[in-house]
């Protein structure tokens, strides 16, 4: 049985005697898709989540001007593989873009036919390098960590490029190719993670007299590898290790299939509407999108005014129906379709969930843990107990306000003469919540869209980043290949004009090929080892992906306020990746940051959406240039806490259910997953789920993403992010110099230190003390409750 690792130190939140700590709602609406409003980081590689190649260029020495659209460099892997592998690699006698050494991946030329030969050839080469490392390894940085980083880097960036294309440009051929080579990729990761020569070399560094001379970042790398090796099964006996490896292979396959089923089920639903009376209430933007979708499906003459219209389960379409459609029958049909996605026929995820939970429990037992949640918590700040304690405190603080929210909704809908007022159902709450919000605050989400055009929002966001962190962001389309014409590429420069990072931004929904939700991921990370000129660290590159409404006709993408928050959120993740100052690639940016702390920068950035100057800078009417009226800003600020209890309960339901399934649920036992869902719902939902509710079948965060036994992280990190923002409030949000000084401190700690220090130490270095939930309560209007 494996040695149990000590739980890493957890934050001790200073709770008062009364139930408190109610984080801000994730959205202004009661109903929002559980796997589309929160941004999974969507790691595309294994736990260390690393970077790409090693070739020389003049890139890092350039200071000004444009960059050439280079893709590859001399010394590609295709020149080092065996003749037989080369023959397999490309039967068409064309070069394989996956095997070229690139800085910006050639997204425009990577095809499904390149995946099988490319990944196999890459793995063969990396296995040779791993064997050489194991043969020559010494417990020194140059002989252990640097060659290890090069191996993992190459795998991570190539597989990351392929996985990214699957997420944003999915097709049957690409799926099939990835499915075929994924077992080989997982086998290589297991071989690397279970390498005893490498493990013993790290252990020797940990036990050497030189240990105390290492800096914090290098100590974290060593300790992280030792922990990851144990969690990868290195201490298991041969037969148990073989069983462990089979489990890992099966989990990878099941997770991929789960996500594919969700995407396919979402794409499958289409509701064709020809009578305008059936979609009364839908705003012009939603009608335009529905007509545009109809055109793409063969209804060439479809228009926003006369139809026909096609409603889908993609977030922009789904949310428009839930909030605005007066047709209650339509709302019910669309809602029922949404909550039963991926739960029937050949796309049914029910058995996949059971298999995943069963295998995760078996994996935990093999490693010597009681349940999978304990395994998950080894790489987090919290413990199972602390996470559960936080969730219960939030739940008890949220329940009474949520009850009041529902009573307010019933009273309001009754006063409006709604026949359903005495029997509000799931497909009614979103609609009447929006009407109540409009009435109470005189804010109409759709009427606000013209003030939030994507170009203006991005301009304002970049201006804020310049003010807070001293960086300049410029569009740099043409430097790097992209996967879709809507994707933009940006360069970040420091105050001297020197490039320090790059990122791609893919903003629009493409339900036929693109996974739902919003996320940030890395393309390459900052790294001294992977430097191309031998002196300066390689610069980081990020992806930022959203799924907002695309431009309709001659109008730009006009955003809801929630979509504005989402862009700020993802940019916060990207900033932590791009503004890192860690030169040790294994702990740069978001790497090695405990999962329940990684949402700190993203949720921190959301707070600026409510900052007057920031909102005025992004809220410009797309036609007139008129700034958003002052009274509307004040109403937005007042509406920030609207239905806070209800919004909190919804997130707490997801988090509590996640922990329950990974701690107490027994696969094959007396309770089904739906039974557990209903039981948890009794404590976290005012309206019980419908008998046919199968939302778990599309809960990609925990079954196809990285949030298994970790969904609580959103709430955990909200305490950190609200307290971090309160530092700016304490300094004075109207005091430019104080804000700049505080922004500099935030950049030099939270954004710069990455995973090179424990997140609690990083937070204390920025804030001067440990975190407190008081700011979160204040932001949510619940301080008086405590």
Foldseek 3Di string as FASTA:
>chain_A
DADDDDFAAFFDFDDDPAQFQQFFFLDLFLDDFLFASDFFQFQLADALRAAADFAFDCVQVDQDDFFAQDFADPDFLLVVFDPVLNCQQDVPPDDQQLRGGGDFRQLAPHDLSRQQSSLVSLLVVLVVLVVVLLVQAALDCVSAVLSLNHSRRHLNQSSVSLVVCQFAFNDPSSLVSCLVCVLVSLVSVLCSLLPPSNLVSLVCCCPDPCVVVDALQVNLVSVVSNLSSLLSPNPFPDVLNVVLSVLSSLLQNLLSLLLVQLLVLQVPDKDWAQDVLQQPFQDLLLLLLQQVVVCVVPPVPAHSVGDGGIATLFRVRLLSCLATGPNLVVLVVSVLSQLCRQCDDPSRCQVSVLSNLQSLQVSQVSSPHRFNLQVLSSLANDGLVRLVVSLVSNLVLLVVLLVVLLVVLLVVCVVVVNPCSVPDDPSRRRHSSQVVLCVVLVDHQVVQQLQFFPVLLVVLLQVVCCLLAQKHKDWRPPNYNDNDPQKTKIFIAHNSSGTQEIEIEAAAADSVRHRHHWHKYWSHAWAQSSDNNNGHTDFTYMYTYHHAHQARDPGGGGDGLSSSLSSQLRVQLVLLRGLAQDRHRSQGRQRSARPLQSSQSSLLSSVCCLPVVSVQSRRARPPPRDTDDPSSSVSVLVSSQPSSSSSSLVLSLVLVLLSCSGNPDDSVDPDRSVNSSQVSCVSRPPHGDDPSRNSVSNSSCQSNGDQRSNSSSVSSSSQLSLQLNVCCVVQPVVDSVSSNVLSNLCSVQVRHCGSSHHVQVSSCSSNVDGTHSCSSCVSNVNNVVD
